[in-house]
PDB file of N, CA and C in Angstrom:
ATOM      1  N   LEU A   1      -9.835  23.705  17.110  1.00  0.00           N
ATOM      2  CA  LEU A   1      -9.762  22.374  17.689  1.00  0.00           C
ATOM      3  C   LEU A   1     -10.811  22.273  18.792  1.00  0.00           C
ATOM      4  N   SER A   2     -11.607  21.250  18.745  1.00  0.00           N
ATOM      5  CA  SER A   2     -12.640  21.091  19.767  1.00  0.00           C
ATOM      6  C   SER A   2     -12.010  20.692  21.101  1.00  0.00           C
ATOM      7  N   GLU A   3     -12.755  20.894  22.153  1.00  0.00           N
ATOM      8  CA  GLU A   3     -12.261  20.561  23.496  1.00  0.00           C
ATOM      9  C   GLU A   3     -11.995  19.059  23.622  1.00  0.00           C
ATOM     10  N   ALA A   4     -12.851  18.240  23.038  1.00  0.00           N
ATOM     11  CA  ALA A   4     -12.664  16.780  23.100  1.00  0.00           C
ATOM     12  C   ALA A   4     -11.374  16.364  22.393  1.00  0.00           C
ATOM     13  N   LYS A   5     -11.112  16.960  21.240  1.00  0.00           N
ATOM     14  CA  LYS A   5      -9.875  16.641  20.512  1.00  0.00           C
ATOM     15  C   LYS A   5      -8.649  17.124  21.281  1.00  0.00           C
ATOM     16  N   ARG A   6      -8.775  18.279  21.895  1.00  0.00           N
ATOM     17  CA  ARG A   6      -7.678  18.819  22.687  1.00  0.00           C
ATOM     18  C   ARG A   6      -7.343  17.893  23.859  1.00  0.00           C
ATOM     19  N   ARG A   7      -8.391  17.371  24.520  1.00  0.00           N
ATOM     20  CA  ARG A   7      -8.172  16.442  25.639  1.00  0.00           C
ATOM     21  C   ARG A   7      -7.528  15.143  25.150  1.00  0.00           C
ATOM     22  N   SER A   8      -7.961  14.649  23.984  1.00  0.00           N
ATOM     23  CA  SER A   8      -7.368  13.425  23.432  1.00  0.00           C
ATOM     24  C   SER A   8      -5.897  13.621  23.116  1.00  0.00           C
ATOM     25  N   LEU A   9      -5.563  14.750  22.526  1.00  0.00           N
ATOM     26  CA  LEU A   9      -4.159  15.026  22.208  1.00  0.00           C
ATOM     27  C   LEU A   9      -3.313  15.168  23.469  1.00  0.00           C
ATOM     28  N   THR A  10      -3.884  15.817  24.482  1.00  0.00           N
ATOM     29  CA  THR A  10      -3.169  15.943  25.751  1.00  0.00           C
ATOM     30  C   THR A  10      -2.936  14.578  26.371  1.00  0.00           C
ATOM     31  N   ARG A  11      -3.947  13.728  26.341  1.00  0.00           N
ATOM     32  CA  ARG A  11      -3.823  12.366  26.881  1.00  0.00           C
ATOM     33  C   ARG A  11      -2.772  11.579  26.097  1.00  0.00           C
ATOM     34  N   LEU A  12      -2.755  11.758  24.780  1.00  0.00           N
ATOM     35  CA  LEU A  12      -1.773  11.076  23.942  1.00  0.00           C
ATOM     36  C   LEU A  12      -0.357  11.517  24.308  1.00  0.00           C
ATOM     37  N   LEU A  13      -0.163  12.802  24.517  1.00  0.00           N
ATOM     38  CA  LEU A  13       1.153  13.300  24.923  1.00  0.00           C
ATOM     39  C   LEU A  13       1.522  12.813  26.320  1.00  0.00           C
ATOM     40  N   ASP A  14       0.539  12.689  27.193  1.00  0.00           N
ATOM     41  CA  ASP A  14       0.795  12.139  28.532  1.00  0.00           C
ATOM     42  C   ASP A  14       1.301  10.698  28.441  1.00  0.00           C
ATOM     43  N   LEU A  15       0.816   9.956  27.454  1.00  0.00           N
ATOM     44  CA  LEU A  15       1.260   8.574  27.268  1.00  0.00           C
ATOM     45  C   LEU A  15       2.752   8.510  26.955  1.00  0.00           C
ATOM     46  N   ALA A  16       3.265   9.529  26.271  1.00  0.00           N
ATOM     47  CA  ALA A  16       4.695   9.576  25.966  1.00  0.00           C
ATOM     48  C   ALA A  16       5.508   9.702  27.244  1.00  0.00           C
ATOM     49  N   HIS A  17       4.988  10.423  28.233  1.00  0.00           N
ATOM     50  CA  HIS A  17       5.695  10.560  29.513  1.00  0.00           C
ATOM     51  C   HIS A  17       5.678   9.250  30.297  1.00  0.00           C
ATOM     52  N   VAL A  18       4.589   8.500  30.173  1.00  0.00           N
ATOM     53  CA  VAL A  18       4.439   7.244  30.910  1.00  0.00           C
ATOM     54  C   VAL A  18       5.222   6.114  30.242  1.00  0.00           C
ATOM     55  N   HIS A  19       5.067   5.973  28.924  1.00  0.00           N
ATOM     56  CA  HIS A  19       5.625   4.822  28.204  1.00  0.00           C
ATOM     57  C   HIS A  19       6.911   5.136  27.452  1.00  0.00           C
ATOM     58  N   GLY A  20       7.197   6.407  27.270  1.00  0.00           N
ATOM     59  CA  GLY A  20       8.356   6.811  26.485  1.00  0.00           C
ATOM     60  C   GLY A  20       7.946   7.155  25.066  1.00  0.00           C
ATOM     61  N   ALA A  21       8.643   8.114  24.495  1.00  0.00           N
ATOM     62  CA  ALA A  21       8.300   8.585  23.154  1.00  0.00           C
ATOM     63  C   ALA A  21       8.473   7.487  22.100  1.00  0.00           C
ATOM     64  N   GLY A  22       9.525   6.670  22.247  1.00  0.00           N
ATOM     65  CA  GLY A  22       9.774   5.604  21.276  1.00  0.00           C
ATOM     66  C   GLY A  22       8.668   4.561  21.265  1.00  0.00           C
ATOM     67  N   GLU A  23       8.229   4.166  22.455  1.00  0.00           N
ATOM     68  CA  GLU A  23       7.143   3.185  22.534  1.00  0.00           C
ATOM     69  C   GLU A  23       5.845   3.762  22.000  1.00  0.00           C
ATOM     70  N   LEU A  24       5.563   5.013  22.323  1.00  0.00           N
ATOM     71  CA  LEU A  24       4.345   5.648  21.808  1.00  0.00           C
ATOM     72  C   LEU A  24       4.384   5.710  20.290  1.00  0.00           C
ATOM     73  N   GLU A  25       5.537   6.055  19.741  1.00  0.00           N
ATOM     74  CA  GLU A  25       5.651   6.116  18.288  1.00  0.00           C
ATOM     75  C   GLU A  25       5.451   4.737  17.661  1.00  0.00           C
ATOM     76  N   ALA A  26       6.049   3.704  18.240  1.00  0.00           N
ATOM     77  CA  ALA A  26       5.872   2.347  17.719  1.00  0.00           C
ATOM     78  C   ALA A  26       4.414   1.917  17.803  1.00  0.00           C
ATOM     79  N   ALA A  27       3.762   2.239  18.915  1.00  0.00           N
ATOM     80  CA  ALA A  27       2.356   1.887  19.075  1.00  0.00           C
ATOM     81  C   ALA A  27       1.485   2.633  18.072  1.00  0.00           C
ATOM     82  N   CYS A  28       1.806   3.898  17.833  1.00  0.00           N
ATOM     83  CA  CYS A  28       1.035   4.679  16.862  1.00  0.00           C
ATOM     84  C   CYS A  28       1.235   4.165  15.441  1.00  0.00           C
ATOM     85  N   HIS A  29       2.442   3.756  15.111  1.00  0.00           N
ATOM     86  CA  HIS A  29       2.686   3.160  13.789  1.00  0.00           C
ATOM     87  C   HIS A  29       1.871   1.882  13.637  1.00  0.00           C
ATOM     88  N   TRP A  30       1.854   1.057  14.679  1.00  0.00           N
ATOM     89  CA  TRP A  30       1.086  -0.189  14.638  1.00  0.00           C
ATOM     90  C   TRP A  30      -0.398   0.134  14.484  1.00  0.00           C
ATOM     91  N   ALA A  31      -0.872   1.131  15.226  1.00  0.00           N
ATOM     92  CA  ALA A  31      -2.285   1.522  15.153  1.00  0.00           C
ATOM     93  C   ALA A  31      -2.652   2.005  13.755  1.00  0.00           C
ATOM     94  N   LEU A  32      -1.791   2.830  13.150  1.00  0.00           N
ATOM     95  CA  LEU A  32      -2.061   3.310  11.797  1.00  0.00           C
ATOM     96  C   LEU A  32      -2.066   2.175  10.790  1.00  0.00           C
ATOM     97  N   ALA A  33      -1.111   1.261  10.919  1.00  0.00           N
ATOM     98  CA  ALA A  33      -1.032   0.134   9.987  1.00  0.00           C
ATOM     99  C   ALA A  33      -2.235  -0.794  10.100  1.00  0.00           C
ATOM    100  N   ASN A  34      -2.859  -0.791  11.262  1.00  0.00           N
ATOM    101  CA  ASN A  34      -3.985  -1.695  11.494  1.00  0.00           C
ATOM    102  C   ASN A  34      -5.321  -0.971  11.618  1.00  0.00           C
ATOM    103  N   ASN A  35      -5.330   0.309  11.245  1.00  0.00           N
ATOM    104  CA  ASN A  35      -6.543   1.117  11.202  1.00  0.00           C
ATOM    105  C   ASN A  35      -7.312   1.104  12.531  1.00  0.00           C
ATOM    106  N   THR A  36      -6.581   1.215  13.618  1.00  0.00           N
ATOM    107  CA  THR A  36      -7.185   1.295  14.951  1.00  0.00           C
ATOM    108  C   THR A  36      -6.628   2.525  15.641  1.00  0.00           C
ATOM    109  N   THR A  37      -7.074   3.673  15.223  1.00  0.00           N
ATOM    110  CA  THR A  37      -6.406   4.896  15.613  1.00  0.00           C
ATOM    111  C   THR A  37      -7.107   5.711  16.704  1.00  0.00           C
ATOM    112  N   ASN A  38      -8.139   5.167  17.341  1.00  0.00           N
ATOM    113  CA  ASN A  38      -8.728   5.965  18.416  1.00  0.00           C
ATOM    114  C   ASN A  38      -7.854   5.857  19.663  1.00  0.00           C
ATOM    115  N   LEU A  39      -8.040   6.781  20.578  1.00  0.00           N
ATOM    116  CA  LEU A  39      -7.181   6.865  21.759  1.00  0.00           C
ATOM    117  C   LEU A  39      -7.233   5.596  22.600  1.00  0.00           C
ATOM    118  N   ALA A  40      -8.423   5.040  22.781  1.00  0.00           N
ATOM    119  CA  ALA A  40      -8.551   3.816  23.579  1.00  0.00           C
ATOM    120  C   ALA A  40      -7.745   2.673  22.965  1.00  0.00           C
ATOM    121  N   SER A  41      -7.719   2.603  21.650  1.00  0.00           N
ATOM    122  CA  SER A  41      -6.937   1.558  20.982  1.00  0.00           C
ATOM    123  C   SER A  41      -5.442   1.757  21.201  1.00  0.00           C
ATOM    124  N   VAL A  42      -4.987   2.991  21.113  1.00  0.00           N
ATOM    125  CA  VAL A  42      -3.562   3.266  21.325  1.00  0.00           C
ATOM    126  C   VAL A  42      -3.170   2.927  22.758  1.00  0.00           C
ATOM    127  N   VAL A  43      -4.026   3.265  23.713  1.00  0.00           N
ATOM    128  CA  VAL A  43      -3.758   2.918  25.113  1.00  0.00           C
ATOM    129  C   VAL A  43      -3.663   1.405  25.264  1.00  0.00           C
ATOM    130  N   SER A  44      -4.592   0.678  24.654  1.00  0.00           N
ATOM    131  CA  SER A  44      -4.587  -0.784  24.729  1.00  0.00           C
ATOM    132  C   SER A  44      -3.331  -1.369  24.078  1.00  0.00           C
ATOM    133  N   ILE A  45      -2.948  -0.808  22.938  1.00  0.00           N
ATOM    134  CA  ILE A  45      -1.749  -1.273  22.237  1.00  0.00           C
ATOM    135  C   ILE A  45      -0.517  -1.078  23.112  1.00  0.00           C
ATOM    136  N   LEU A  46      -0.445   0.055  23.783  1.00  0.00           N
ATOM    137  CA  LEU A  46       0.683   0.311  24.676  1.00  0.00           C
ATOM    138  C   LEU A  46       0.676  -0.626  25.878  1.00  0.00           C
ATOM    139  N   GLU A  47      -0.489  -0.872  26.444  1.00  0.00           N
ATOM    140  CA  GLU A  47      -0.576  -1.725  27.623  1.00  0.00           C
ATOM    141  C   GLU A  47      -0.245  -3.178  27.303  1.00  0.00           C
ATOM    142  N   THR A  48      -0.680  -3.664  26.159  1.00  0.00           N
ATOM    143  CA  THR A  48      -0.446  -5.063  25.785  1.00  0.00           C
ATOM    144  C   THR A  48       0.869  -5.257  25.041  1.00  0.00           C
ATOM    145  N   LYS A  49       1.455  -4.131  24.575  1.00  0.00           N
ATOM    146  CA  LYS A  49       2.705  -4.157  23.808  1.00  0.00           C
ATOM    147  C   LYS A  49       2.615  -5.059  22.581  1.00  0.00           C
ATOM    148  N   VAL A  50       1.436  -5.088  21.968  1.00  0.00           N
ATOM    149  CA  VAL A  50       1.219  -5.921  20.792  1.00  0.00           C
ATOM    150  C   VAL A  50       2.119  -5.502  19.630  1.00  0.00           C
ATOM    151  N   TYR A  51       2.547  -4.262  19.600  1.00  0.00           N
ATOM    152  CA  TYR A  51       3.421  -3.787  18.529  1.00  0.00           C
ATOM    153  C   TYR A  51       4.790  -4.459  18.572  1.00  0.00           C
ATOM    154  N   LEU A  52       5.157  -5.060  19.706  1.00  0.00           N
ATOM    155  CA  LEU A  52       6.438  -5.758  19.816  1.00  0.00           C
ATOM    156  C   LEU A  52       6.392  -7.181  19.268  1.00  0.00           C
ATOM    157  N   THR A  53       5.206  -7.741  19.150  1.00  0.00           N
ATOM    158  CA  THR A  53       5.076  -9.132  18.719  1.00  0.00           C
ATOM    159  C   THR A  53       5.164  -9.290  17.215  1.00  0.00           C
ATOM    160  N   GLY A  54       4.932  -8.212  16.489  1.00  0.00           N
ATOM    161  CA  GLY A  54       4.921  -8.314  15.040  1.00  0.00           C
ATOM    162  C   GLY A  54       3.615  -8.883  14.516  1.00  0.00           C
ATOM    163  N   ASP A  55       2.684  -9.200  15.417  1.00  0.00           N
ATOM    164  CA  ASP A  55       1.392  -9.726  14.972  1.00  0.00           C
ATOM    165  C   ASP A  55       0.604  -8.643  14.265  1.00  0.00           C
ATOM    166  N   GLN A  56       0.014  -9.009  13.178  1.00  0.00           N
ATOM    167  CA  GLN A  56      -0.855  -8.110  12.436  1.00  0.00           C
ATOM    168  C   GLN A  56      -2.219  -8.774  12.322  1.00  0.00           C
ATOM    169  N   PRO A  57      -3.281  -8.001  12.469  1.00  0.00           N
ATOM    170  CA  PRO A  57      -4.590  -8.615  12.277  1.00  0.00           C
ATOM    171  C   PRO A  57      -4.716  -9.145  10.860  1.00  0.00           C
ATOM    172  N   ARG A  58      -5.411 -10.221  10.719  1.00  0.00           N
ATOM    173  CA  ARG A  58      -5.601 -10.807   9.393  1.00  0.00           C
ATOM    174  C   ARG A  58      -6.697 -10.032   8.652  1.00  0.00           C
ATOM    175  N   PRO A  59      -6.460  -9.718   7.377  1.00  0.00           N
ATOM    176  CA  PRO A  59      -7.509  -9.034   6.625  1.00  0.00           C
ATOM    177  C   PRO A  59      -8.695  -9.971   6.419  1.00  0.00           C
ATOM    178  N   PRO A  60      -9.881  -9.425   6.295  1.00  0.00           N
ATOM    179  CA  PRO A  60     -11.039 -10.289   6.082  1.00  0.00           C
ATOM    180  C   PRO A  60     -10.910 -11.045   4.763  1.00  0.00           C
ATOM    181  N   VAL A  61     -11.362 -12.259   4.752  1.00  0.00           N
ATOM    182  CA  VAL A  61     -11.302 -13.090   3.564  1.00  0.00           C
ATOM    183  C   VAL A  61     -12.603 -12.925   2.803  1.00  0.00           C
ATOM    184  N   SER A  62     -12.476 -12.617   1.517  1.00  0.00           N
ATOM    185  CA  SER A  62     -13.667 -12.484   0.687  1.00  0.00           C
ATOM    186  C   SER A  62     -14.183 -13.861   0.320  1.00  0.00           C
ATOM    187  N   PRO A  63     -15.492 -14.048   0.368  1.00  0.00           N
ATOM    188  CA  PRO A  63     -16.039 -15.343  -0.034  1.00  0.00           C
ATOM    189  C   PRO A  63     -15.886 -15.533  -1.540  1.00  0.00           C
ATOM    190  N   ILE A  64     -15.747 -16.763  -1.944  1.00  0.00           N
ATOM    191  CA  ILE A  64     -15.670 -17.065  -3.369  1.00  0.00           C
ATOM    192  C   ILE A  64     -17.101 -17.150  -3.885  1.00  0.00           C
ATOM    193  N   HIS A  65     -17.373 -16.349  -4.897  1.00  0.00           N
ATOM    194  CA  HIS A  65     -18.732 -16.271  -5.410  1.00  0.00           C
ATOM    195  C   HIS A  65     -18.662 -15.840  -6.863  1.00  0.00           C
ATOM    196  N   ASP A  66     -19.535 -16.353  -7.695  1.00  0.00           N
ATOM    197  CA  ASP A  66     -19.520 -16.034  -9.121  1.00  0.00           C
ATOM    198  C   ASP A  66     -19.762 -14.557  -9.405  1.00  0.00           C
ATOM    199  N   ASN A  67     -20.456 -13.856  -8.538  1.00  0.00           N
ATOM    200  CA  ASN A  67     -20.783 -12.463  -8.784  1.00  0.00           C
ATOM    201  C   ASN A  67     -19.693 -11.505  -8.316  1.00  0.00           C
ATOM    202  N   LEU A  68     -18.635 -12.008  -7.722  1.00  0.00           N
ATOM    203  CA  LEU A  68     -17.534 -11.155  -7.268  1.00  0.00           C
ATOM    204  C   LEU A  68     -16.429 -11.157  -8.306  1.00  0.00           C
ATOM    205  N   ARG A  69     -15.874  -9.968  -8.565  1.00  0.00           N
ATOM    206  CA  ARG A  69     -14.794  -9.857  -9.533  1.00  0.00           C
ATOM    207  C   ARG A  69     -13.473  -9.619  -8.817  1.00  0.00           C
ATOM    208  N   HIS A  70     -12.418 -10.082  -9.414  1.00  0.00           N
ATOM    209  CA  HIS A  70     -11.076  -9.911  -8.879  1.00  0.00           C
ATOM    210  C   HIS A  70     -10.613  -8.478  -9.136  1.00  0.00           C
ATOM    211  N   HIS A  71      -9.736  -7.959  -8.256  1.00  0.00           N
ATOM    212  CA  HIS A  71      -9.279  -6.574  -8.399  1.00  0.00           C
ATOM    213  C   HIS A  71      -8.580  -6.324  -9.722  1.00  0.00           C
ATOM    214  N   ASP A  72      -7.983  -7.358 -10.340  1.00  0.00           N
ATOM    215  CA  ASP A  72      -7.305  -7.186 -11.625  1.00  0.00           C
ATOM    216  C   ASP A  72      -8.268  -6.727 -12.716  1.00  0.00           C
ATOM    217  N   GLU A  73      -9.527  -7.075 -12.591  1.00  0.00           N
ATOM    218  CA  GLU A  73     -10.499  -6.666 -13.597  1.00  0.00           C
ATOM    219  C   GLU A  73     -10.756  -5.167 -13.569  1.00  0.00           C
ATOM    220  N   PHE A  74     -10.420  -4.515 -12.483  1.00  0.00           N
ATOM    221  CA  PHE A  74     -10.660  -3.090 -12.361  1.00  0.00           C
ATOM    222  C   PHE A  74      -9.411  -2.264 -12.620  1.00  0.00           C
ATOM    223  N   THR A  75      -8.266  -2.897 -12.762  1.00  0.00           N
ATOM    224  CA  THR A  75      -7.026  -2.150 -12.948  1.00  0.00           C
ATOM    225  C   THR A  75      -6.668  -1.939 -14.406  1.00  0.00           C
ATOM    226  N   ASN A  76      -7.406  -2.546 -15.324  1.00  0.00           N
ATOM    227  CA  ASN A  76      -7.139  -2.377 -16.744  1.00  0.00           C
ATOM    228  C   ASN A  76      -7.579  -0.978 -17.149  1.00  0.00           C
ATOM    229  N   THR A  77      -6.648  -0.171 -17.631  1.00  0.00           N
ATOM    230  CA  THR A  77      -6.966   1.212 -17.974  1.00  0.00           C
ATOM    231  C   THR A  77      -7.470   1.353 -19.404  1.00  0.00           C
ATOM    232  N   GLU A  78      -7.311   0.324 -20.227  1.00  0.00           N
ATOM    233  CA  GLU A  78      -7.800   0.380 -21.595  1.00  0.00           C
ATOM    234  C   GLU A  78      -9.311   0.168 -21.590  1.00  0.00           C
ATOM    235  N   ARG A  79     -10.001   0.987 -22.316  1.00  0.00           N
ATOM    236  CA  ARG A  79     -11.450   0.864 -22.426  1.00  0.00           C
ATOM    237  C   ARG A  79     -11.816   0.356 -23.805  1.00  0.00           C
ATOM    238  N   GLU A  80     -12.802  -0.514 -23.831  1.00  0.00           N
ATOM    239  CA  GLU A  80     -13.257  -1.024 -25.113  1.00  0.00           C
ATOM    240  C   GLU A  80     -14.212  -0.016 -25.737  1.00  0.00           C
ATOM    241  N   ALA A  81     -14.079   0.179 -27.043  1.00  0.00           N
ATOM    242  CA  ALA A  81     -14.918   1.158 -27.730  1.00  0.00           C
ATOM    243  C   ALA A  81     -16.199   0.543 -28.224  1.00  0.00           C
TER     244      ALA A  81
END
């Protein structure tokens, strides 16, 4: 484990002492669900308590374009011979 990773993990554990283990766990679940898993993001999530609001970031909207295919076109496992 690198020294930087060790410091991040120590800081993360320190957050449990400040905010409580339950809040840290809820914030980490929110961070994982929203793909914002760096330490600064977890600290921000804990400070703003965004995990309590139930708000989720909106996924990006794909533009409608003739050259884009729908995901259903890629899920067909049958191949034409």
